[in-house]
Protein backbone atom coordinates (compact mmCIF):
# COMPACT_ATOMS: atom_id res chain seq x y z
CA MET A 1 45.94 0.42 45.08
CA GLU A 2 47.66 1.29 41.84
CA SER A 3 45.39 -1.01 39.88
CA THR A 4 42.29 0.61 41.40
CA SER A 5 43.62 4.07 40.55
CA PHE A 6 44.39 2.92 37.02
CA ARG A 7 40.89 1.54 36.53
CA GLU A 8 39.37 4.79 37.77
CA GLU A 9 41.59 6.80 35.46
CA LEU A 10 40.74 4.51 32.54
CA ALA A 11 37.03 4.87 33.30
CA ALA A 12 37.40 8.63 33.44
CA LEU A 13 39.25 8.66 30.12
CA SER A 14 36.56 6.44 28.61
CA ASP A 15 33.87 8.87 29.77
CA VAL A 16 35.78 11.77 28.24
CA PHE A 17 36.25 9.82 25.00
CA MET A 18 32.56 8.94 24.83
CA ARG A 19 31.56 12.53 25.48
CA ASN A 20 33.97 13.76 22.79
CA GLU A 21 32.67 11.13 20.35
CA GLN A 22 29.05 12.06 21.07
CA GLN A 23 29.90 15.73 20.67
CA GLN A 24 31.62 14.98 17.37
CA ASP A 25 28.59 13.01 16.14
CA ASN A 26 26.28 15.84 17.18
CA ASP A 27 28.52 18.39 15.45
CA GLU A 28 28.57 16.28 12.27
CA GLU A 29 24.80 15.92 12.44
CA GLY A 30 24.44 19.65 12.87
CA LEU A 31 26.67 20.26 9.86
CA ARG A 32 24.68 17.80 7.74
CA VAL A 33 21.45 19.69 8.38
CA SER A 34 22.85 22.73 6.57
CA GLN A 35 24.17 20.70 3.63
CA THR A 36 22.59 20.08 0.23
CA LEU A 37 22.40 16.51 -1.06
CA VAL A 38 21.87 15.53 -4.68
CA CYS A 39 21.13 12.07 -6.07
CA ASP A 40 19.03 10.08 -8.51
CA ILE A 41 16.00 8.03 -7.58
CA GLN A 42 16.86 5.27 -10.05
CA ASN A 43 19.45 2.79 -8.76
CA THR A 44 20.29 5.07 -5.82
CA LEU A 45 17.32 5.96 -3.63
CA LEU A 46 15.55 2.90 -4.99
CA ALA A 47 17.44 -0.34 -4.63
CA ASN A 48 17.57 -2.84 -7.47
CA SER A 49 16.21 -0.34 -9.99
CA GLN A 50 18.73 -0.49 -12.84
CA SER A 51 15.67 -0.82 -15.04
CA PHE A 52 12.62 1.33 -14.32
CA PHE A 53 10.47 -1.11 -16.31
CA PRO A 54 8.34 -2.28 -13.32
CA TYR A 55 7.27 1.28 -12.52
CA PHE A 56 6.41 2.01 -16.16
CA MET A 57 4.39 -1.22 -16.11
CA LEU A 58 2.47 0.00 -13.06
CA VAL A 59 1.56 3.19 -14.91
CA ALA A 60 0.63 1.26 -18.07
CA PHE A 61 -1.56 -1.29 -16.23
CA GLU A 62 -3.16 0.90 -13.56
CA GLY A 63 -3.43 4.16 -15.49
CA GLY A 64 -3.78 2.84 -19.02
CA SER A 65 -5.25 -0.56 -19.77
CA ILE A 66 -4.41 -4.23 -19.90
CA ILE A 67 -3.73 -3.83 -23.65
CA ARG A 68 -1.15 -1.11 -23.00
CA ALA A 69 0.48 -3.27 -20.33
CA LEU A 70 0.61 -6.22 -22.76
CA LEU A 71 2.27 -4.04 -25.42
CA LEU A 72 4.89 -2.92 -22.92
CA LEU A 73 5.53 -6.53 -21.90
CA LEU A 74 5.86 -7.67 -25.54
CA SER A 75 8.41 -4.91 -26.14
CA SER A 76 10.64 -6.02 -23.24
CA PRO A 77 12.87 -8.35 -25.32
CA ILE A 78 13.56 -5.48 -27.73
CA LEU A 79 14.11 -3.05 -24.86
CA PHE A 80 16.76 -5.39 -23.49
CA LEU A 81 18.82 -4.88 -26.67
CA LEU A 82 18.61 -1.07 -26.71
CA ASP A 83 20.95 1.35 -24.99
CA TYR A 84 19.76 3.28 -21.92
CA GLU A 85 18.44 6.37 -23.72
CA LEU A 86 16.57 4.54 -26.47
CA LYS A 87 15.12 2.10 -23.95
CA LEU A 88 13.81 4.93 -21.78
CA ARG A 89 12.31 6.78 -24.75
CA ALA A 90 10.59 3.60 -25.95
CA MET A 91 9.11 2.88 -22.51
CA VAL A 92 7.92 6.49 -22.24
CA PHE A 93 6.18 6.31 -25.63
CA ILE A 94 4.42 2.97 -25.01
CA THR A 95 3.38 3.91 -21.48
CA PHE A 96 2.29 7.52 -21.98
CA CYS A 97 1.04 7.89 -25.56
CA GLY A 98 -2.66 8.85 -25.23
CA LEU A 99 -2.67 8.65 -21.42
CA LYS A 100 -4.65 11.33 -19.58
CA VAL A 101 -2.65 13.70 -17.39
CA LYS A 102 -5.34 13.33 -14.72
CA ASP A 103 -4.92 9.54 -14.69
CA MET A 104 -1.16 9.87 -14.26
CA GLU A 105 -1.67 12.25 -11.34
CA GLY A 106 -3.86 9.64 -9.66
CA ILE A 107 -1.30 6.87 -10.20
CA SER A 108 1.56 8.98 -8.83
CA ARG A 109 -0.51 9.81 -5.74
CA ALA A 110 -2.21 6.49 -4.99
CA VAL A 111 -0.28 3.60 -6.58
CA LEU A 112 3.44 4.29 -7.01
CA PRO A 113 4.32 5.42 -3.43
CA LYS A 114 3.65 1.94 -2.03
CA PHE A 115 6.20 0.35 -4.36
CA TYR A 116 8.72 3.17 -3.99
CA LEU A 117 8.64 2.96 -0.19
CA LYS A 118 8.99 -0.81 -0.21
CA ASN A 119 12.10 -0.56 -2.40
CA LEU A 120 13.88 2.34 -0.69
CA ASN A 121 17.55 1.65 -0.03
CA PRO A 122 17.87 1.97 3.79
CA LYS A 123 21.60 2.84 3.70
CA VAL A 124 21.10 5.64 1.20
CA PHE A 125 18.05 6.89 3.08
CA GLU A 126 20.11 7.11 6.29
CA VAL A 127 22.46 9.64 4.65
CA TRP A 128 19.52 11.28 2.88
CA ALA A 129 17.62 11.90 6.12
CA SER A 130 20.64 13.54 7.80
CA THR A 131 20.77 16.44 5.32
CA GLY A 132 18.60 19.53 5.32
CA ASN A 133 18.27 20.28 1.60
CA ARG A 134 17.69 17.61 -1.03
CA VAL A 135 17.52 17.84 -4.81
CA VAL A 136 16.85 14.89 -7.11
CA PHE A 137 18.17 14.79 -10.68
CA THR A 138 16.84 11.95 -12.81
CA SER A 139 16.28 11.02 -16.44
CA VAL A 140 13.03 9.31 -15.40
CA PRO A 141 9.88 11.34 -16.25
CA ARG A 142 9.29 13.91 -13.53
CA VAL A 143 5.56 13.13 -13.32
CA MET A 144 6.37 9.58 -12.19
CA VAL A 145 8.49 10.54 -9.18
CA GLU A 146 7.87 14.15 -8.12
CA GLY A 147 4.73 13.51 -6.07
CA PHE A 148 6.34 10.73 -4.05
CA LEU A 149 9.62 12.56 -3.51
CA LYS A 150 7.98 15.72 -2.22
CA GLU A 151 5.18 14.08 -0.22
CA TYR A 152 7.12 11.26 1.45
CA LEU A 153 10.80 12.26 1.32
CA GLY A 154 10.62 16.03 1.70
CA VAL A 155 12.51 16.86 -1.50
CA GLY A 156 12.83 20.54 -2.28
CA ASP A 157 13.30 20.29 -6.05
CA VAL A 158 12.97 17.53 -8.62
CA VAL A 159 14.68 17.89 -11.99
CA GLY A 160 13.44 15.15 -14.31
CA THR A 161 12.55 14.54 -17.93
CA GLU A 162 9.54 16.57 -19.05
CA LEU A 163 6.87 14.95 -21.20
CA HIS A 164 4.96 16.61 -24.03
CA THR A 165 1.19 17.04 -23.62
CA VAL A 166 -1.67 18.15 -25.87
CA ARG A 167 -5.02 19.10 -24.29
CA GLN A 168 -4.40 17.18 -21.07
CA TYR A 169 -3.16 14.07 -22.88
CA PHE A 170 0.41 12.81 -23.10
CA THR A 171 1.77 12.34 -26.61
CA GLY A 172 4.45 9.89 -25.50
CA LEU A 173 7.21 12.26 -26.61
CA VAL A 174 9.87 13.99 -24.56
CA CYS A 175 9.85 17.78 -24.29
CA GLY A 176 12.56 20.25 -25.30
CA PRO A 177 16.17 19.13 -25.00
CA GLY A 178 15.24 15.51 -24.32
CA LEU A 179 16.18 13.26 -21.44
CA VAL A 180 17.81 14.89 -18.43
CA VAL A 181 21.59 14.48 -18.35
CA LYS A 182 22.49 14.71 -14.67
CA HIS A 183 25.88 16.45 -14.77
CA ARG A 184 24.56 19.11 -17.17
CA ALA A 185 21.41 19.60 -15.12
CA ILE A 186 23.48 20.08 -11.93
CA LYS A 187 25.62 22.75 -13.62
CA GLU A 188 22.51 24.58 -14.80
CA PHE A 189 20.81 24.30 -11.41
CA PHE A 190 23.70 25.26 -9.12
CA GLY A 191 25.77 27.42 -11.48
CA GLU A 192 29.27 27.97 -10.08
CA LYS A 193 28.39 26.45 -6.71
CA LYS A 194 28.88 22.80 -5.89
CA PRO A 195 26.40 20.64 -3.97
CA ASP A 196 27.77 19.42 -0.63
CA VAL A 197 26.93 15.71 -0.91
CA GLY A 198 26.29 13.51 -3.91
CA ILE A 199 25.15 9.89 -3.92
CA GLY A 200 25.32 7.79 -7.05
CA SER A 201 25.66 4.29 -8.39
CA SER A 202 28.71 2.61 -9.88
CA SER A 203 27.27 3.23 -13.34
CA PRO A 204 29.53 5.24 -15.70
CA ARG A 205 26.63 7.69 -16.15
CA ASP A 206 27.10 8.80 -12.53
CA HIS A 207 30.88 9.45 -12.64
CA LEU A 208 30.65 12.98 -14.06
CA PHE A 209 27.69 13.74 -11.82
CA LEU A 210 29.58 12.74 -8.65
CA SER A 211 32.71 14.65 -9.68
CA LEU A 212 30.74 17.90 -9.36
CA CYS A 213 29.98 17.30 -5.66
CA LYS A 214 32.19 18.26 -2.71
CA GLU A 215 31.60 14.89 -1.07
CA ALA A 216 30.63 11.78 -3.02
CA TYR A 217 29.21 8.40 -2.03
CA VAL A 218 28.76 5.37 -4.27
CA VAL A 219 26.05 2.81 -3.54
CA ASN A 220 27.65 -0.50 -2.62
CA SER A 221 26.73 -3.20 -5.13
CA THR A 222 26.87 -5.76 -2.30
CA GLU A 223 24.00 -3.97 -0.54
CA ASP A 224 22.05 -4.02 -3.78
CA ASN A 225 22.62 -7.76 -4.13
CA ASN A 226 21.42 -8.27 -0.55
CA ILE A 227 18.18 -6.50 -1.41
CA LYS A 228 17.78 -8.64 -4.54
CA ALA A 229 18.24 -11.71 -2.35
CA GLY A 230 15.69 -10.38 0.16
CA ALA A 231 18.07 -9.98 3.10
CA ASN A 232 16.12 -8.57 6.06
CA SER A 233 18.83 -6.05 6.97
CA ALA A 234 18.72 -4.60 3.45
CA ILE A 235 14.96 -4.08 3.26
CA MET A 236 13.30 -0.87 4.44
CA ARG A 237 11.11 -1.86 7.38
CA ARG A 238 7.63 -0.37 7.64
CA ASP A 239 8.40 1.32 10.96
CA LYS A 240 11.32 3.09 9.26
CA TYR A 241 9.19 4.64 6.53
CA PRO A 242 9.61 8.43 6.49
CA LYS A 243 5.82 8.74 6.51
CA PRO A 244 3.21 6.07 7.34
CA LEU A 245 1.61 4.42 4.33
CA VAL A 246 -2.04 3.93 5.31
CA PHE A 247 -3.82 4.13 1.96
CA HIS A 248 -2.86 3.03 -1.53
CA ASP A 249 -4.75 1.94 -4.63
CA GLY A 250 -4.28 -0.20 -7.71
CA ARG A 251 -4.93 -3.85 -8.50
CA LEU A 252 -1.40 -5.27 -8.67
CA ALA A 253 -0.05 -6.67 -5.41
CA PHE A 254 3.44 -7.41 -6.77
CA LEU A 255 6.24 -5.43 -8.41
CA PRO A 256 5.65 -6.14 -12.14
CA THR A 257 9.08 -7.10 -13.42
CA PRO A 258 9.05 -8.58 -16.94
CA LEU A 259 9.07 -12.17 -15.64
CA ALA A 260 6.41 -11.49 -12.97
CA THR A 261 4.21 -9.68 -15.51
CA LEU A 262 4.54 -12.57 -17.97
CA SER A 263 3.44 -14.94 -15.21
CA MET A 264 0.41 -12.74 -14.52
CA PHE A 265 -0.70 -12.71 -18.17
CA MET A 266 -0.28 -16.48 -18.41
CA TRP A 267 -2.39 -16.87 -15.26
CA LEU A 268 -5.23 -14.57 -16.39
CA PRO A 269 -7.28 -17.08 -18.50
CA PRO A 270 -7.32 -19.90 -15.90
CA GLY A 271 -7.54 -17.29 -13.12
CA ILE A 272 -10.78 -15.83 -14.50
CA ILE A 273 -12.31 -19.30 -14.83
CA LEU A 274 -11.18 -20.18 -11.30
CA ALA A 275 -12.64 -16.95 -9.90
CA ILE A 276 -16.04 -17.62 -11.51
CA PHE A 277 -15.98 -21.19 -10.16
CA ARG A 278 -15.15 -19.98 -6.64
CA LEU A 279 -17.88 -17.33 -6.86
CA PHE A 280 -20.56 -19.84 -7.88
CA VAL A 281 -19.43 -22.25 -5.16
CA GLY A 282 -19.95 -19.53 -2.55
CA ILE A 283 -23.35 -18.48 -3.92
CA PHE A 284 -25.08 -21.79 -4.59
CA LEU A 285 -23.56 -24.55 -2.45
CA PRO A 286 -24.10 -25.37 1.25
CA TYR A 287 -21.51 -24.07 3.71
CA LYS A 288 -19.57 -27.31 4.29
CA MET A 289 -19.47 -28.16 0.60
CA ALA A 290 -18.44 -24.57 -0.22
CA ILE A 291 -15.54 -24.70 2.25
CA PHE A 292 -14.39 -28.07 0.88
CA LEU A 293 -14.42 -26.98 -2.78
CA ALA A 294 -12.93 -23.57 -2.00
CA THR A 295 -10.05 -25.23 -0.15
CA LEU A 296 -9.62 -27.66 -3.03
CA SER A 297 -9.37 -24.71 -5.45
CA GLY A 298 -6.61 -23.03 -3.42
CA VAL A 299 -8.52 -20.69 -1.07
CA ARG A 300 -7.14 -21.03 2.45
CA ILE A 301 -9.29 -20.06 5.44
CA ARG A 302 -7.63 -19.83 8.86
CA VAL A 303 -10.24 -19.66 11.63
CA LYS A 304 -9.76 -19.20 15.39
CA GLY A 305 -12.21 -18.88 18.26
CA LEU A 306 -15.35 -20.42 16.81
CA ASN A 307 -16.21 -21.58 20.34
CA HIS A 308 -16.48 -17.85 21.17
CA SER A 309 -19.08 -17.19 18.49
CA GLY A 310 -21.31 -15.82 21.24
CA THR A 311 -24.63 -16.90 19.90
CA GLU A 312 -25.62 -18.45 23.17
CA GLY A 313 -27.50 -16.15 25.47
CA GLY A 314 -28.65 -13.67 22.84
CA LYS A 315 -32.34 -13.27 22.26
CA LYS A 316 -33.25 -15.89 19.64
CA GLY A 317 -29.56 -16.05 18.81
CA HIS A 318 -29.56 -12.52 17.34
CA VAL A 319 -25.95 -11.36 17.51
CA LEU A 320 -24.10 -8.44 15.93
CA TYR A 321 -20.70 -9.43 14.56
CA VAL A 322 -18.36 -6.43 14.34
CA CYS A 323 -15.56 -7.05 11.82
CA THR A 324 -12.47 -5.36 10.56
CA HIS A 325 -12.88 -4.60 6.86
CA ARG A 326 -10.36 -6.02 4.39
CA THR A 327 -12.51 -6.86 1.33
CA LEU A 328 -16.17 -6.94 0.30
CA LEU A 329 -16.10 -10.69 0.96
CA ASP A 330 -15.57 -10.33 4.73
CA PRO A 331 -19.23 -11.09 5.62
CA VAL A 332 -19.33 -13.99 3.15
CA PHE A 333 -16.26 -15.71 4.59
CA LEU A 334 -17.52 -15.13 8.14
CA SER A 335 -20.95 -16.57 7.32
CA THR A 336 -19.36 -19.60 5.65
CA SER A 337 -16.95 -20.17 8.55
CA LEU A 338 -19.74 -19.95 11.15
CA GLY A 339 -21.97 -22.18 9.04
CA LYS A 340 -25.03 -19.97 9.37
CA PRO A 341 -26.69 -17.17 7.37
CA LEU A 342 -25.80 -13.60 8.28
CA THR A 343 -27.15 -10.29 7.04
CA ALA A 344 -24.50 -7.74 6.06
CA VAL A 345 -25.17 -4.15 7.09
CA THR A 346 -23.67 -1.95 4.38
CA TYR A 347 -22.65 1.69 4.26
CA SER A 348 -22.49 2.18 0.50
CA LEU A 349 -22.54 -0.70 -1.99
CA SER A 350 -22.89 -0.86 -5.75
CA LYS A 351 -25.94 -2.63 -7.21
CA MET A 352 -23.68 -5.16 -8.93
CA SER A 353 -21.99 -6.08 -5.63
CA GLU A 354 -25.39 -6.46 -3.97
CA PHE A 355 -26.58 -8.68 -6.83
CA ILE A 356 -23.68 -11.16 -6.66
CA ALA A 357 -23.54 -11.23 -2.83
CA PRO A 358 -24.45 -14.74 -1.56
CA ILE A 359 -25.81 -13.25 1.69
CA ARG A 360 -28.41 -10.55 2.29
CA THR A 361 -27.31 -6.92 2.43
CA VAL A 362 -29.31 -4.17 4.13
CA ARG A 363 -28.94 -0.54 5.18
CA LEU A 364 -28.51 0.51 8.78
CA THR A 365 -32.11 1.78 8.81
CA ARG A 366 -33.59 -1.75 8.76
CA ASP A 367 -35.11 -3.52 11.77
CA ARG A 368 -32.58 -5.81 13.47
CA LYS A 369 -35.24 -8.19 14.76
CA GLN A 370 -36.37 -8.84 11.22
CA ASP A 371 -32.85 -9.37 9.88
CA GLY A 372 -31.59 -11.77 12.60
CA ASP A 373 -27.82 -12.14 13.02
CA LEU A 374 -26.01 -9.18 11.53
CA VAL A 375 -22.44 -8.49 10.47
CA VAL A 376 -21.15 -4.92 10.22
CA CYS A 377 -17.81 -3.36 9.33
CA PRO A 378 -17.81 -0.06 11.25
CA GLU A 379 -14.74 1.30 9.44
CA GLY A 380 -17.06 1.93 6.48
CA THR A 381 -14.38 1.05 3.93
CA THR A 382 -11.51 -1.34 3.40
CA CYS A 383 -7.89 -0.74 4.37
CA ARG A 384 -5.07 -2.88 2.98
CA GLU A 385 -2.34 -1.92 5.41
CA PRO A 386 -2.03 -2.89 9.13
CA TYR A 387 -4.15 0.03 10.33
CA LEU A 388 -7.72 0.27 11.58
CA LEU A 389 -9.78 3.28 10.55
CA ARG A 390 -12.06 5.07 12.99
CA PHE A 391 -15.08 2.98 13.95
CA SER A 392 -18.53 4.48 13.45
CA SER A 393 -20.44 4.31 16.73
CA LEU A 394 -23.83 3.59 15.13
CA PHE A 395 -23.49 -0.18 15.51
CA ALA A 396 -23.22 0.10 19.31
CA GLU A 397 -26.80 1.41 19.46
CA LEU A 398 -28.26 -1.59 17.60
CA THR A 399 -27.78 -4.24 20.28
CA ASN A 400 -25.83 -5.23 23.36
CA GLU A 401 -25.05 -8.70 21.98
CA ILE A 402 -21.77 -7.82 20.23
CA VAL A 403 -19.05 -10.22 19.07
CA PRO A 404 -15.86 -8.66 17.61
CA VAL A 405 -14.24 -10.52 14.70
CA ALA A 406 -10.67 -9.82 13.60
CA MET A 407 -10.24 -10.41 9.86
CA ASP A 408 -7.24 -10.13 7.57
CA THR A 409 -6.29 -11.28 4.08
CA GLU A 410 -3.17 -12.18 2.16
CA VAL A 411 -2.83 -12.04 -1.62
CA THR A 412 0.07 -12.46 -4.02
CA MET A 413 -1.16 -11.16 -7.37
CA PHE A 414 -4.27 -8.93 -7.22
CA TYR A 415 -5.84 -6.71 -4.58
CA GLY A 416 -9.55 -7.31 -4.09
CA THR A 417 -10.27 -3.66 -3.31
CA THR A 418 -10.17 -0.39 -5.22
CA ALA A 419 -11.03 3.25 -4.63
CA SER A 420 -10.94 4.54 -8.20
CA GLY A 421 -11.69 1.44 -10.28
CA LEU A 422 -14.78 -0.70 -10.79
CA LYS A 423 -15.80 -1.90 -7.34
CA CYS A 424 -18.10 -4.55 -8.80
CA LEU A 425 -14.96 -6.41 -9.89
CA ASP A 426 -13.44 -6.45 -6.40
CA PRO A 427 -14.60 -10.01 -5.54
CA ILE A 428 -13.47 -11.29 -8.95
CA PHE A 429 -9.97 -9.87 -8.56
CA PHE A 430 -9.62 -11.29 -5.06
CA LEU A 431 -10.79 -14.72 -6.18
CA MET A 432 -8.40 -14.63 -9.15
CA ASN A 433 -5.41 -14.94 -6.81
CA PRO A 434 -3.81 -18.40 -7.04
CA ARG A 435 -3.84 -19.03 -3.27
CA PRO A 436 -5.61 -16.24 -1.34
CA ILE A 437 -5.70 -16.52 2.44
CA TYR A 438 -8.43 -15.34 4.82
CA TYR A 439 -7.66 -15.04 8.53
CA ILE A 440 -10.71 -15.01 10.82
CA GLN A 441 -10.46 -14.72 14.60
CA VAL A 442 -13.75 -14.64 16.53
CA LEU A 443 -13.18 -12.92 19.86
CA GLY A 444 -15.32 -13.33 22.97
CA LYS A 445 -18.63 -11.54 23.33
CA VAL A 446 -18.26 -8.01 24.68
CA PRO A 447 -19.24 -8.00 28.40
CA ARG A 448 -22.58 -6.33 29.04
CA GLU A 449 -21.00 -3.75 31.37
CA LEU A 450 -18.87 -2.52 28.43
CA THR A 451 -21.88 -1.97 26.15
CA CYS A 452 -24.47 0.80 26.08
CA ALA A 453 -26.61 -1.31 28.44
CA GLY A 454 -23.83 -1.01 31.02
CA GLY A 455 -23.83 2.77 30.89
CA LYS A 456 -21.13 3.23 28.25
CA SER A 457 -21.66 5.69 25.43
CA SER A 458 -21.71 4.39 21.86
CA PHE A 459 -18.38 6.15 21.21
CA GLU A 460 -16.74 4.39 24.16
CA VAL A 461 -18.03 1.03 22.94
CA ALA A 462 -16.75 1.67 19.40
CA ASN A 463 -13.31 2.76 20.63
CA TYR A 464 -13.03 -0.23 22.97
CA ILE A 465 -13.84 -2.72 20.21
CA GLN A 466 -11.46 -0.97 17.80
CA ARG A 467 -8.61 -1.31 20.32
CA GLN A 468 -9.54 -4.94 21.01
CA LEU A 469 -9.45 -5.83 17.31
CA GLY A 470 -6.26 -3.83 16.76
CA ASP A 471 -4.52 -5.75 19.55
CA ALA A 472 -5.71 -9.09 18.15
CA LEU A 473 -4.31 -8.32 14.69
CA GLY A 474 -1.29 -6.25 15.72
CA PHE A 475 -2.73 -3.29 13.79
CA GLU A 476 -2.47 0.38 14.69
CA CYS A 477 -5.71 2.24 15.46
CA THR A 478 -6.22 5.57 13.70
CA ASN A 479 -8.83 8.34 13.53
CA LEU A 480 -8.85 8.29 9.73
CA THR A 481 -12.21 7.79 8.03
CA ARG A 482 -13.75 6.60 4.79
CA LYS A 483 -13.89 10.19 3.58
CA ASP A 484 -10.14 10.63 4.20
CA LYS A 485 -9.36 7.53 2.15
CA TYR A 486 -11.45 8.43 -0.87
CA LYS A 487 -10.40 12.07 -0.92
CA MET A 488 -6.77 10.99 -1.00
CA LEU A 489 -7.05 8.13 -3.49
CA ALA A 490 -9.98 9.06 -5.73
CA GLY A 491 -10.76 12.72 -5.10
CA ASN A 492 -14.33 12.01 -3.94
CA GLU A 493 -16.16 10.93 -0.78
CA GLY A 494 -16.68 7.34 -1.89
CA VAL A 495 -20.49 7.30 -1.75
CA VAL A 496 -22.48 5.25 -4.26
CA LEU A 497 -25.47 7.39 -5.19
CA GLN A 498 -28.77 5.56 -4.79
CA ASP A 499 -31.93 6.01 -6.83
CA LYS A 500 -33.99 8.62 -4.96
CA ARG A 501 -37.24 7.03 -6.19
CA ARG A 502 -36.41 3.79 -4.39
CA ARG A 503 -38.02 3.41 -1.01
CA PRO A 504 -35.69 2.82 1.98
């Protein structure tokens, strides 16, 4: 009897304790919302960023040129010998001298966020997200980080090094007093007040900065080492991103550290030759021979569901293949995998891309009976991330013989897509990867009752196929469109203007 009473009392005390603990956590969370947090992006918000060299390299390569990127790489041994301030000034000069302000704005909006998000320190972000007001103080150029911090992390103010400009061009020099010194900048920004929370690294440069905060946290070097080693618990997962990353631009698919960048430049000469070889193999050789030589050269094609190709039963074998859109080569790899010619229905394609395409390309206004088997990508544009854009419903009105095809790619060095660069080079960049992978999954033919012939509207058919392909790939379906992508990444609607004198 006593033991039962004791257990009940213990359970009651446990409930009270849990309620008090929850209340305390809620109270602390409520207090945090009203607090102001200050920190640096370098080596604090971003893990493993003692050197900001990779991000300067991204600006030099994507916003400048391959020559500028090579100069920055060649300077890296000298940079290693310089102190922090001289190193930063040297990287600023090489990266920004003669660079257009407009180009830098595009890089900060479309290229850098992907790499920043991937390298966020999850432990620091946990404290960061619990506060209501956030201010970042950094010696890194403000133009490199402000867009990301305000758009993705909800920063109120960014105090960073200002760069000198002349007529919308950077001179490569630092404005005014020079590089931002964090403890001085905090005194100027807050005056006599002290920020509530400060997060810094173990670097001596952060000691004075943290001493000015009411509450200070130091990033654990062990956590940083875990991130260097690639520990799963220390990497910011995609579902934990503060804002979904659907679109990004740029050619580089890796973080360009000095060693990784050196490897890229060493690979470029054989990579270009290999890309041309792969391109000619796809254009001129029969399907089986093309697959054999492509595999021999390092291209890996993973195909599922060829027995569901769905050509049986269609009138004269005329089938519409509806694909997810990862690169301009989607129809080519599908045609090669199926071992039969297909005609690609395009939305907007450059003349150069049409010229080098090993399969026919037509506009949606052509006669399907004349073109035979068709392949269409109803998203209208490529998307690199695990999302599907809204499907245009026009394809559903072409035929009732529809076969969905889930396609995905994997690259290690270069992206084979671009929104602001030369699209005619997209296939070349994709084929320059040492071992690119193409995943192709042919799903079963859409049942007739789920097509327009079965009474469904074209919008219902498009949405059904989008969901089916999303489930097959594990991608999230969105309502975003081609126009949304190009307005965000390139500031235009992404339409290649055609010669008005040319007949349709």
